[in-house]
């Protein structure tokens, strides 16, 4: 278990299904943005460059931009997630956990 500012991380991350559900919901309004906040690696379920490429295609079809917000010091696969973000005209940010609120506000504008 890892603790940052009284938040506790544990278990596995199944990022893929959450990403697809977010794209589907955001896609109801073309031009919407999904901000994917991740503390590390997607280590269960749908992952890999093929999946992220297909997710990018799905997002583009729905008119959804995907931005990635990652925490400094993590093991986030920014190569694959960054490609997903760039192909949908989103941004990639790796931030200090103490600045999470400020940076999230920037990305949402």
N, C-alpha and C. Protein backbone atom coordinates (compact mmCIF):
# COMPACT_ATOMS: atom_id res chain seq x y z
N UNK A 1 0.84 -1.17 0.00
CA UNK A 1 0.00 0.00 0.00
C UNK A 1 0.88 1.24 0.00
N UNK A 2 0.55 2.21 -0.86
CA UNK A 2 1.28 3.47 -0.95
C UNK A 2 0.37 4.59 -0.44
N UNK A 3 0.93 5.54 0.31
CA UNK A 3 0.14 6.63 0.85
C UNK A 3 0.69 7.96 0.35
N UNK A 4 -0.20 8.81 -0.20
CA UNK A 4 0.14 10.17 -0.62
C UNK A 4 -0.95 11.08 -0.06
N UNK A 5 -0.56 12.05 0.75
CA UNK A 5 -1.52 12.99 1.33
C UNK A 5 -2.76 12.30 1.89
N UNK A 6 -2.55 11.27 2.68
CA UNK A 6 -3.63 10.51 3.33
C UNK A 6 -4.49 9.70 2.39
N UNK A 7 -4.09 9.58 1.10
CA UNK A 7 -4.80 8.69 0.17
C UNK A 7 -4.02 7.38 0.14
N UNK A 8 -4.72 6.28 0.09
CA UNK A 8 -4.08 4.98 0.08
C UNK A 8 -4.33 4.27 -1.24
N UNK A 9 -3.26 3.79 -1.87
CA UNK A 9 -3.38 3.04 -3.11
C UNK A 9 -3.18 1.56 -2.81
N UNK A 10 -4.00 0.73 -3.39
CA UNK A 10 -3.86 -0.71 -3.22
C UNK A 10 -4.59 -1.42 -4.35
N UNK A 11 -4.25 -2.66 -4.56
CA UNK A 11 -4.93 -3.46 -5.57
C UNK A 11 -4.47 -3.19 -6.98
N UNK A 12 -5.24 -3.68 -7.92
CA UNK A 12 -4.90 -3.59 -9.34
C UNK A 12 -5.70 -2.47 -10.01
N UNK A 13 -5.18 -2.04 -11.15
CA UNK A 13 -5.84 -1.00 -11.93
C UNK A 13 -6.29 -1.58 -13.26
N UNK A 14 -7.58 -1.56 -13.50
CA UNK A 14 -8.14 -1.99 -14.77
C UNK A 14 -8.58 -0.73 -15.52
N UNK A 15 -7.63 -0.05 -16.11
CA UNK A 15 -7.85 1.25 -16.72
C UNK A 15 -8.69 1.18 -17.99
N UNK A 16 -8.52 0.14 -18.79
CA UNK A 16 -9.18 0.03 -20.09
C UNK A 16 -10.69 0.18 -20.07
N UNK A 17 -11.42 -0.60 -19.27
CA UNK A 17 -12.87 -0.46 -19.24
C UNK A 17 -13.33 0.92 -18.79
N UNK A 18 -12.64 1.51 -17.84
CA UNK A 18 -13.00 2.85 -17.38
C UNK A 18 -12.78 3.87 -18.49
N UNK A 19 -11.71 3.72 -19.24
CA UNK A 19 -11.42 4.62 -20.35
C UNK A 19 -12.51 4.51 -21.42
N UNK A 20 -12.88 3.31 -21.79
CA UNK A 20 -13.92 3.12 -22.81
C UNK A 20 -15.27 3.67 -22.36
N UNK A 21 -15.62 3.42 -21.10
CA UNK A 21 -16.90 3.95 -20.58
C UNK A 21 -16.88 5.48 -20.58
N UNK A 22 -15.75 6.06 -20.23
CA UNK A 22 -15.63 7.52 -20.22
C UNK A 22 -15.76 8.10 -21.61
N UNK A 23 -15.14 7.46 -22.58
CA UNK A 23 -15.24 7.93 -23.97
C UNK A 23 -16.69 7.84 -24.44
N UNK A 24 -17.35 6.75 -24.13
CA UNK A 24 -18.74 6.57 -24.53
C UNK A 24 -19.63 7.66 -23.93
N UNK A 25 -19.46 7.92 -22.65
CA UNK A 25 -20.27 8.95 -21.98
C UNK A 25 -19.95 10.35 -22.52
N UNK A 26 -18.67 10.66 -22.65
CA UNK A 26 -18.27 11.98 -23.15
C UNK A 26 -18.70 12.17 -24.60
N UNK A 27 -18.72 11.09 -25.35
CA UNK A 27 -19.06 11.15 -26.76
C UNK A 27 -20.51 11.53 -27.04
N UNK A 28 -21.32 11.60 -26.02
CA UNK A 28 -22.70 12.04 -26.20
C UNK A 28 -22.74 13.52 -26.58
N UNK A 29 -21.65 14.24 -26.29
CA UNK A 29 -21.51 15.65 -26.65
C UNK A 29 -20.17 15.82 -27.36
N UNK A 30 -20.19 15.83 -28.69
CA UNK A 30 -18.96 15.98 -29.46
C UNK A 30 -18.18 17.19 -28.96
N UNK A 31 -16.87 17.04 -28.93
CA UNK A 31 -16.00 18.12 -28.45
C UNK A 31 -15.70 18.03 -26.96
N UNK A 32 -16.21 16.99 -26.32
CA UNK A 32 -15.95 16.80 -24.89
C UNK A 32 -14.53 16.31 -24.67
N UNK A 33 -14.09 16.40 -23.42
CA UNK A 33 -12.74 15.99 -23.06
C UNK A 33 -12.81 14.99 -21.91
N UNK A 34 -12.01 13.94 -22.00
CA UNK A 34 -11.82 12.99 -20.91
C UNK A 34 -10.44 13.27 -20.34
N UNK A 35 -10.36 13.43 -19.02
CA UNK A 35 -9.08 13.58 -18.35
C UNK A 35 -8.83 12.29 -17.58
N UNK A 36 -7.85 11.55 -18.04
CA UNK A 36 -7.50 10.27 -17.44
C UNK A 36 -6.42 10.52 -16.39
N UNK A 37 -6.80 10.41 -15.13
CA UNK A 37 -5.85 10.59 -14.02
C UNK A 37 -5.38 9.20 -13.60
N UNK A 38 -4.07 9.01 -13.65
CA UNK A 38 -3.54 7.69 -13.31
C UNK A 38 -2.35 7.81 -12.38
N UNK A 39 -2.28 6.90 -11.43
CA UNK A 39 -1.19 6.89 -10.47
C UNK A 39 -0.09 5.93 -10.86
N UNK A 40 -0.24 5.26 -11.94
CA UNK A 40 0.77 4.28 -12.29
C UNK A 40 0.42 3.48 -13.50
N UNK A 41 0.55 2.21 -13.38
CA UNK A 41 0.39 1.36 -14.55
C UNK A 41 -0.94 0.62 -14.54
N UNK A 42 -1.51 0.49 -15.71
CA UNK A 42 -2.69 -0.35 -15.86
C UNK A 42 -2.18 -1.78 -15.85
N UNK A 43 -2.48 -2.52 -14.82
CA UNK A 43 -1.87 -3.83 -14.66
C UNK A 43 -2.89 -4.97 -14.65
N UNK A 44 -4.07 -4.68 -15.16
CA UNK A 44 -5.09 -5.72 -15.25
C UNK A 44 -6.05 -5.37 -16.37
N UNK A 45 -6.51 -6.36 -17.07
CA UNK A 45 -7.51 -6.12 -18.11
C UNK A 45 -6.91 -5.64 -19.42
N UNK A 46 -7.61 -4.72 -20.08
CA UNK A 46 -7.24 -4.23 -21.40
C UNK A 46 -6.08 -3.24 -21.31
N UNK A 47 -4.97 -3.56 -21.96
CA UNK A 47 -3.80 -2.69 -21.98
C UNK A 47 -3.05 -2.89 -23.29
N UNK A 48 -1.97 -2.17 -23.46
CA UNK A 48 -1.09 -2.37 -24.61
C UNK A 48 -1.35 -1.39 -25.73
N UNK A 49 -0.34 -1.26 -26.59
CA UNK A 49 -0.41 -0.26 -27.67
C UNK A 49 -1.57 -0.53 -28.62
N UNK A 50 -1.90 -1.79 -28.90
CA UNK A 50 -3.03 -2.09 -29.79
C UNK A 50 -4.33 -1.58 -29.17
N UNK A 51 -4.55 -1.87 -27.90
CA UNK A 51 -5.76 -1.41 -27.23
C UNK A 51 -5.83 0.11 -27.23
N UNK A 52 -4.74 0.79 -26.86
CA UNK A 52 -4.76 2.25 -26.78
C UNK A 52 -4.95 2.87 -28.16
N UNK A 53 -4.44 2.24 -29.20
CA UNK A 53 -4.68 2.71 -30.57
C UNK A 53 -6.15 2.61 -30.93
N UNK A 54 -6.78 1.50 -30.57
CA UNK A 54 -8.20 1.32 -30.84
C UNK A 54 -9.05 2.29 -30.01
N UNK A 55 -8.62 2.54 -28.77
CA UNK A 55 -9.32 3.50 -27.92
C UNK A 55 -9.22 4.91 -28.52
N UNK A 56 -8.07 5.25 -29.08
CA UNK A 56 -7.90 6.55 -29.73
C UNK A 56 -8.82 6.67 -30.93
N UNK A 57 -8.90 5.63 -31.74
CA UNK A 57 -9.80 5.64 -32.90
C UNK A 57 -11.26 5.82 -32.45
N UNK A 58 -11.64 5.12 -31.39
CA UNK A 58 -12.99 5.23 -30.85
C UNK A 58 -13.27 6.66 -30.37
N UNK A 59 -12.30 7.25 -29.67
CA UNK A 59 -12.45 8.62 -29.17
C UNK A 59 -12.57 9.61 -30.33
N UNK A 60 -11.75 9.45 -31.36
CA UNK A 60 -11.81 10.36 -32.51
C UNK A 60 -13.17 10.24 -33.21
N UNK A 61 -13.66 9.02 -33.34
CA UNK A 61 -14.96 8.79 -33.96
C UNK A 61 -16.07 9.49 -33.17
N UNK A 62 -15.94 9.49 -31.85
CA UNK A 62 -16.94 10.11 -30.97
C UNK A 62 -16.71 11.61 -30.79
N UNK A 63 -15.57 12.14 -31.31
CA UNK A 63 -15.26 13.56 -31.15
C UNK A 63 -14.79 13.91 -29.75
N UNK A 64 -14.06 13.00 -29.09
CA UNK A 64 -13.62 13.18 -27.71
C UNK A 64 -12.10 13.35 -27.67
N UNK A 65 -11.65 14.36 -26.94
CA UNK A 65 -10.23 14.58 -26.70
C UNK A 65 -9.86 13.90 -25.38
N UNK A 66 -8.71 13.24 -25.34
CA UNK A 66 -8.27 12.56 -24.12
C UNK A 66 -6.97 13.20 -23.65
N UNK A 67 -6.96 13.67 -22.41
CA UNK A 67 -5.75 14.19 -21.79
C UNK A 67 -5.35 13.26 -20.65
N UNK A 68 -4.06 13.18 -20.42
CA UNK A 68 -3.51 12.30 -19.39
C UNK A 68 -2.91 13.15 -18.29
N UNK A 69 -3.27 12.85 -17.05
CA UNK A 69 -2.71 13.51 -15.87
C UNK A 69 -2.09 12.41 -15.02
N UNK A 70 -0.77 12.44 -14.93
CA UNK A 70 -0.05 11.40 -14.21
C UNK A 70 0.71 12.02 -13.04
N UNK A 71 1.03 11.21 -12.08
CA UNK A 71 1.71 11.66 -10.88
C UNK A 71 3.20 11.40 -10.97
N UNK A 72 4.03 12.42 -10.67
CA UNK A 72 5.48 12.26 -10.68
C UNK A 72 5.89 11.13 -9.75
N UNK A 73 6.88 10.37 -10.18
CA UNK A 73 7.39 9.29 -9.35
C UNK A 73 6.67 7.98 -9.56
N UNK A 74 5.69 7.95 -10.44
CA UNK A 74 4.96 6.71 -10.67
C UNK A 74 5.61 5.90 -11.80
N UNK A 75 4.97 4.83 -12.15
CA UNK A 75 5.47 3.97 -13.22
C UNK A 75 4.53 4.01 -14.42
N UNK A 76 3.91 5.11 -14.63
CA UNK A 76 2.92 5.26 -15.70
C UNK A 76 3.55 5.07 -17.07
N UNK A 77 2.90 4.30 -17.91
CA UNK A 77 3.39 4.06 -19.26
C UNK A 77 2.98 5.24 -20.15
N UNK A 78 3.75 6.31 -20.08
CA UNK A 78 3.39 7.50 -20.83
C UNK A 78 3.65 7.35 -22.32
N UNK A 79 4.43 6.37 -22.72
CA UNK A 79 4.64 6.14 -24.15
C UNK A 79 3.31 5.76 -24.81
N UNK A 80 2.65 4.74 -24.29
CA UNK A 80 1.38 4.29 -24.87
C UNK A 80 0.25 5.26 -24.57
N UNK A 81 0.15 5.72 -23.33
CA UNK A 81 -0.91 6.66 -22.98
C UNK A 81 -0.71 8.01 -23.66
N UNK A 82 0.55 8.41 -23.80
CA UNK A 82 0.85 9.67 -24.48
C UNK A 82 0.43 9.62 -25.95
N UNK A 83 0.64 8.50 -26.60
CA UNK A 83 0.22 8.35 -28.00
C UNK A 83 -1.29 8.44 -28.11
N UNK A 84 -2.00 7.87 -27.16
CA UNK A 84 -3.47 7.95 -27.12
C UNK A 84 -3.90 9.42 -27.02
N UNK A 85 -3.27 10.13 -26.11
CA UNK A 85 -3.60 11.54 -25.90
C UNK A 85 -3.27 12.39 -27.13
N UNK A 86 -2.08 12.23 -27.66
CA UNK A 86 -1.65 13.05 -28.79
C UNK A 86 -2.51 12.81 -30.03
N UNK A 87 -2.94 11.59 -30.24
CA UNK A 87 -3.74 11.30 -31.43
C UNK A 87 -5.16 11.87 -31.33
N UNK A 88 -5.58 12.26 -30.12
CA UNK A 88 -6.90 12.87 -29.95
C UNK A 88 -6.77 14.36 -29.65
N UNK A 89 -5.59 14.92 -29.83
CA UNK A 89 -5.27 16.34 -29.61
C UNK A 89 -5.37 16.74 -28.15
N UNK A 90 -5.13 15.78 -27.26
CA UNK A 90 -5.12 16.06 -25.82
C UNK A 90 -3.74 16.44 -25.35
N UNK A 91 -3.56 16.51 -24.05
CA UNK A 91 -2.26 16.86 -23.48
C UNK A 91 -1.83 15.78 -22.50
N UNK A 92 -0.55 15.79 -22.18
CA UNK A 92 0.02 14.86 -21.22
C UNK A 92 0.74 15.68 -20.17
N UNK A 93 0.38 15.47 -18.92
CA UNK A 93 1.03 16.19 -17.84
C UNK A 93 1.44 15.20 -16.76
N UNK A 94 2.64 15.38 -16.25
CA UNK A 94 3.13 14.58 -15.14
C UNK A 94 3.40 15.56 -14.02
N UNK A 95 2.63 15.48 -12.94
CA UNK A 95 2.67 16.53 -11.93
C UNK A 95 3.05 16.03 -10.54
N UNK A 96 3.42 16.96 -9.71
CA UNK A 96 3.67 16.73 -8.30
C UNK A 96 2.31 16.47 -7.64
N UNK A 97 2.18 15.44 -6.81
CA UNK A 97 0.88 15.15 -6.19
C UNK A 97 0.33 16.31 -5.36
N UNK A 98 1.19 17.17 -4.86
CA UNK A 98 0.73 18.31 -4.07
C UNK A 98 0.07 19.39 -4.93
N UNK A 99 0.27 19.33 -6.26
CA UNK A 99 -0.30 20.32 -7.17
C UNK A 99 -1.46 19.75 -7.98
N UNK A 100 -1.98 18.62 -7.58
CA UNK A 100 -3.02 17.93 -8.35
C UNK A 100 -4.23 18.82 -8.63
N UNK A 101 -4.76 19.49 -7.64
CA UNK A 101 -5.94 20.34 -7.84
C UNK A 101 -5.69 21.47 -8.81
N UNK A 102 -4.57 22.16 -8.67
CA UNK A 102 -4.23 23.28 -9.56
C UNK A 102 -4.07 22.80 -10.99
N UNK A 103 -3.34 21.73 -11.19
CA UNK A 103 -3.09 21.23 -12.54
C UNK A 103 -4.35 20.67 -13.18
N UNK A 104 -5.19 20.02 -12.39
CA UNK A 104 -6.45 19.51 -12.94
C UNK A 104 -7.31 20.66 -13.43
N UNK A 105 -7.34 21.76 -12.69
CA UNK A 105 -8.10 22.94 -13.13
C UNK A 105 -7.56 23.47 -14.45
N UNK A 106 -6.25 23.49 -14.63
CA UNK A 106 -5.65 23.97 -15.90
C UNK A 106 -6.09 23.10 -17.06
N UNK A 107 -6.04 21.78 -16.86
CA UNK A 107 -6.34 20.86 -17.94
C UNK A 107 -7.82 20.90 -18.32
N UNK A 108 -8.68 21.26 -17.38
CA UNK A 108 -10.12 21.24 -17.64
C UNK A 108 -10.59 22.47 -18.40
N UNK A 109 -9.73 23.47 -18.55
CA UNK A 109 -10.12 24.70 -19.25
C UNK A 109 -9.94 24.63 -20.74
